Amino acid sequence: MEIVREIWDAFERGGFPAERFADDAEWHTASDMPDSEVCRGPAEIQRMLADGWENVVDPGLRVEELIDAGARVLVRWRGWGTGRGSGIQIDWREAHLYELREGVVVTVREYRTWDEALGAAGLLE
């Protein structure tokens, strides 16, 4: 769980800790997105994350909850900012499920709701 906390500390500062991701890591974007994709490797993951924020001015994000699920970690987070073209304030919440092996992230899956992530981790009762 500490590794995922370190990753999010970097994310919150606008960084990307590539060394915390396996060379063959996969990041699965939320399946309900029109451009849903699987990014492979730290460089492609970093590009996808940067692309997602390029239309946001004064972006921010913060972890709201972390749950240790053995070799996996659930993260509930909140993001915010201002639309670059629209000037509209945006605020959203998502959840991620991180799978780790030998101290690095091998898979990340995005979910729109906390309940979806809990269900995917087998923690929803």
C-alpha atoms as a PDB file:
ATOM      1  CA  MET A   1       0.000   0.000   0.000  1.00  0.00           C
ATOM      2  CA  GLU A   2       2.915   2.337   0.688  1.00  0.00           C
ATOM      3  CA  ILE A   3       4.028   2.153  -2.958  1.00  0.00           C
ATOM      4  CA  VAL A   4       0.607   3.312  -4.168  1.00  0.00           C
ATOM      5  CA  ARG A   5       0.635   6.104  -1.581  1.00  0.00           C
ATOM      6  CA  GLU A   6       4.021   7.228  -2.951  1.00  0.00           C
ATOM      7  CA  ILE A   7       2.626   7.161  -6.498  1.00  0.00           C
ATOM      8  CA  TRP A   8      -0.284   9.364  -5.476  1.00  0.00           C
ATOM      9  CA  ASP A   9       1.984  11.743  -3.569  1.00  0.00           C
ATOM     10  CA  ALA A  10       3.813  12.235  -6.888  1.00  0.00           C
ATOM     11  CA  PHE A  11       0.541  12.573  -8.843  1.00  0.00           C
ATOM     12  CA  GLU A  12      -0.674  15.226  -6.391  1.00  0.00           C
ATOM     13  CA  ARG A  13       2.525  17.214  -7.074  1.00  0.00           C
ATOM     14  CA  GLY A  14       2.060  16.866 -10.851  1.00  0.00           C
ATOM     15  CA  GLY A  15       4.714  14.172 -11.238  1.00  0.00           C
ATOM     16  CA  PHE A  16       4.812  10.652 -12.612  1.00  0.00           C
ATOM     17  CA  PRO A  17       6.993   8.067 -10.797  1.00  0.00           C
ATOM     18  CA  ALA A  18       7.826   5.848 -13.791  1.00  0.00           C
ATOM     19  CA  GLU A  19      10.105   3.675 -11.635  1.00  0.00           C
ATOM     20  CA  ARG A  20       7.043   2.485  -9.679  1.00  0.00           C
ATOM     21  CA  PHE A  21       5.548   0.880 -12.810  1.00  0.00           C
ATOM     22  CA  ALA A  22       6.722  -2.400 -14.371  1.00  0.00           C
ATOM     23  CA  ASP A  23       8.137  -2.146 -17.883  1.00  0.00           C
ATOM     24  CA  ASP A  24       5.091  -4.096 -19.109  1.00  0.00           C
ATOM     25  CA  ALA A  25       2.537  -2.390 -16.816  1.00  0.00           C
ATOM     26  CA  GLU A  26      -0.966  -1.966 -18.213  1.00  0.00           C
ATOM     27  CA  TRP A  27      -3.369   0.881 -17.436  1.00  0.00           C
ATOM     28  CA  HIS A  28      -6.981   0.133 -18.434  1.00  0.00           C
ATOM     29  CA  THR A  29      -9.003   3.326 -18.780  1.00  0.00           C
ATOM     30  CA  ALA A  30     -12.666   3.250 -17.744  1.00  0.00           C
ATOM     31  CA  SER A  31     -14.664   1.045 -20.104  1.00  0.00           C
ATOM     32  CA  ASP A  32     -17.473   3.597 -20.478  1.00  0.00           C
ATOM     33  CA  MET A  33     -15.165   6.171 -22.085  1.00  0.00           C
ATOM     34  CA  PRO A  34     -15.583   6.617 -25.855  1.00  0.00           C
ATOM     35  CA  ASP A  35     -11.812   6.335 -26.270  1.00  0.00           C
ATOM     36  CA  SER A  36     -11.315   3.563 -23.706  1.00  0.00           C
ATOM     37  CA  GLU A  37      -7.858   2.082 -24.098  1.00  0.00           C
ATOM     38  CA  VAL A  38      -5.154  -0.058 -22.568  1.00  0.00           C
ATOM     39  CA  CYS A  39      -1.849   1.785 -22.211  1.00  0.00           C
ATOM     40  CA  ARG A  40       1.262  -0.346 -21.923  1.00  0.00           C
ATOM     41  CA  GLY A  41       4.529   0.635 -20.281  1.00  0.00           C
ATOM     42  CA  PRO A  42       5.398   3.667 -18.158  1.00  0.00           C
ATOM     43  CA  ALA A  43       5.987   6.029 -21.121  1.00  0.00           C
ATOM     44  CA  GLU A  44       2.589   5.316 -22.692  1.00  0.00           C
ATOM     45  CA  ILE A  45       0.851   5.527 -19.316  1.00  0.00           C
ATOM     46  CA  GLN A  46       2.509   8.851 -18.576  1.00  0.00           C
ATOM     47  CA  ARG A  47       1.441  10.195 -21.999  1.00  0.00           C
ATOM     48  CA  MET A  48      -2.172   9.114 -21.464  1.00  0.00           C
ATOM     49  CA  LEU A  49      -2.300  10.752 -18.036  1.00  0.00           C
ATOM     50  CA  ALA A  50      -0.784  13.994 -19.368  1.00  0.00           C
ATOM     51  CA  ASP A  51      -3.232  14.027 -22.301  1.00  0.00           C
ATOM     52  CA  GLY A  52      -6.124  13.703 -19.843  1.00  0.00           C
ATOM     53  CA  TRP A  53      -5.095  16.895 -18.039  1.00  0.00           C
ATOM     54  CA  GLU A  54      -4.155  19.033 -21.056  1.00  0.00           C
ATOM     55  CA  ASN A  55      -7.597  20.668 -21.251  1.00  0.00           C
ATOM     56  CA  VAL A  56      -7.653  21.601 -17.560  1.00  0.00           C
ATOM     57  CA  VAL A  57      -6.302  24.840 -16.104  1.00  0.00           C
ATOM     58  CA  ASP A  58      -5.208  24.886 -12.445  1.00  0.00           C
ATOM     59  CA  PRO A  59      -5.704  21.138 -12.062  1.00  0.00           C
ATOM     60  CA  GLY A  60      -5.636  19.361  -8.752  1.00  0.00           C
ATOM     61  CA  LEU A  61      -6.269  15.918  -7.347  1.00  0.00           C
ATOM     62  CA  ARG A  62      -6.306  14.287  -3.966  1.00  0.00           C
ATOM     63  CA  VAL A  63      -6.672  10.774  -2.606  1.00  0.00           C
ATOM     64  CA  GLU A  64      -9.794  10.374  -0.511  1.00  0.00           C
ATOM     65  CA  GLU A  65      -9.290   6.746   0.519  1.00  0.00           C
ATOM     66  CA  LEU A  66      -6.831   3.883   0.131  1.00  0.00           C
ATOM     67  CA  ILE A  67      -7.723   0.267   0.901  1.00  0.00           C
ATOM     68  CA  ASP A  68      -5.209  -2.561   1.127  1.00  0.00           C
ATOM     69  CA  ALA A  69      -6.620  -5.618  -0.665  1.00  0.00           C
ATOM     70  CA  GLY A  70      -3.583  -7.923  -0.473  1.00  0.00           C
ATOM     71  CA  ALA A  71      -1.573  -7.654  -3.690  1.00  0.00           C
ATOM     72  CA  ARG A  72      -4.018  -4.973  -4.846  1.00  0.00           C
ATOM     73  CA  VAL A  73      -4.788  -1.479  -3.594  1.00  0.00           C
ATOM     74  CA  LEU A  74      -7.983   0.493  -4.116  1.00  0.00           C
ATOM     75  CA  VAL A  75      -7.789   4.257  -4.458  1.00  0.00           C
ATOM     76  CA  ARG A  76     -10.745   6.626  -4.326  1.00  0.00           C
ATOM     77  CA  TRP A  77      -9.761  10.075  -5.546  1.00  0.00           C
ATOM     78  CA  ARG A  78     -11.117  13.478  -6.480  1.00  0.00           C
ATOM     79  CA  GLY A  79      -9.953  15.715  -9.332  1.00  0.00           C
ATOM     80  CA  TRP A  80     -10.763  19.338 -10.096  1.00  0.00           C
ATOM     81  CA  GLY A  81      -9.823  22.305 -12.242  1.00  0.00           C
ATOM     82  CA  THR A  82     -11.157  24.705 -14.844  1.00  0.00           C
ATOM     83  CA  GLY A  83     -11.906  23.779 -18.442  1.00  0.00           C
ATOM     84  CA  ARG A  84      -9.229  25.384 -20.632  1.00  0.00           C
ATOM     85  CA  GLY A  85     -11.625  26.366 -23.422  1.00  0.00           C
ATOM     86  CA  SER A  86     -14.864  26.753 -21.479  1.00  0.00           C
ATOM     87  CA  GLY A  87     -13.724  28.333 -18.224  1.00  0.00           C
ATOM     88  CA  ILE A  88     -16.184  26.020 -16.447  1.00  0.00           C
ATOM     89  CA  GLN A  89     -15.192  24.616 -13.058  1.00  0.00           C
ATOM     90  CA  ILE A  90     -14.970  20.821 -13.110  1.00  0.00           C
ATOM     91  CA  ASP A  91     -14.937  18.409 -10.197  1.00  0.00           C
ATOM     92  CA  TRP A  92     -15.121  14.627 -10.396  1.00  0.00           C
ATOM     93  CA  ARG A  93     -14.412  11.446  -8.499  1.00  0.00           C
ATOM     94  CA  GLU A  94     -13.032   8.139  -9.701  1.00  0.00           C
ATOM     95  CA  ALA A  95     -11.587   4.940  -8.307  1.00  0.00           C
ATOM     96  CA  HIS A  96      -8.607   2.851  -9.368  1.00  0.00           C
ATOM     97  CA  LEU A  97      -7.592  -0.700  -8.595  1.00  0.00           C
ATOM     98  CA  TYR A  98      -3.801  -1.209  -8.582  1.00  0.00           C
ATOM     99  CA  GLU A  99      -2.225  -4.656  -8.818  1.00  0.00           C
ATOM    100  CA  LEU A 100       1.382  -4.945  -7.669  1.00  0.00           C
ATOM    101  CA  ARG A 101       4.041  -7.574  -8.097  1.00  0.00           C
ATOM    102  CA  GLU A 102       7.557  -7.469  -6.655  1.00  0.00           C
ATOM    103  CA  GLY A 103       7.141  -3.872  -5.514  1.00  0.00           C
ATOM    104  CA  VAL A 104       5.924  -2.343  -8.789  1.00  0.00           C
ATOM    105  CA  VAL A 105       2.529  -1.713 -10.378  1.00  0.00           C
ATOM    106  CA  VAL A 106       1.641  -4.224 -13.072  1.00  0.00           C
ATOM    107  CA  THR A 107      -2.003  -3.280 -13.711  1.00  0.00           C
ATOM    108  CA  VAL A 108      -4.284  -0.317 -13.061  1.00  0.00           C
ATOM    109  CA  ARG A 109      -7.992  -0.416 -13.796  1.00  0.00           C
ATOM    110  CA  GLU A 110     -10.157   2.711 -13.697  1.00  0.00           C
ATOM    111  CA  TYR A 111     -13.725   2.715 -12.395  1.00  0.00           C
ATOM    112  CA  ARG A 112     -16.258   5.520 -12.379  1.00  0.00           C
ATOM    113  CA  THR A 113     -17.671   4.627  -8.961  1.00  0.00           C
ATOM    114  CA  TRP A 114     -16.290   3.397  -5.680  1.00  0.00           C
ATOM    115  CA  ASP A 115     -18.802   0.536  -5.649  1.00  0.00           C
ATOM    116  CA  GLU A 116     -17.558  -0.667  -9.056  1.00  0.00           C
ATOM    117  CA  ALA A 117     -13.990  -0.724  -7.752  1.00  0.00           C
ATOM    118  CA  LEU A 118     -14.988  -2.471  -4.532  1.00  0.00           C
ATOM    119  CA  GLY A 119     -16.887  -5.059  -6.572  1.00  0.00           C
ATOM    120  CA  ALA A 120     -13.916  -5.640  -8.883  1.00  0.00           C
ATOM    121  CA  ALA A 121     -11.721  -6.200  -5.823  1.00  0.00           C
ATOM    122  CA  GLY A 122     -14.253  -8.630  -4.344  1.00  0.00           C
ATOM    123  CA  LEU A 123     -14.899  -6.315  -1.371  1.00  0.00           C
ATOM    124  CA  LEU A 124     -18.506  -5.301  -2.031  1.00  0.00           C
ATOM    125  CA  GLU A 125     -20.958  -6.997   0.281  1.00  0.00           C
END
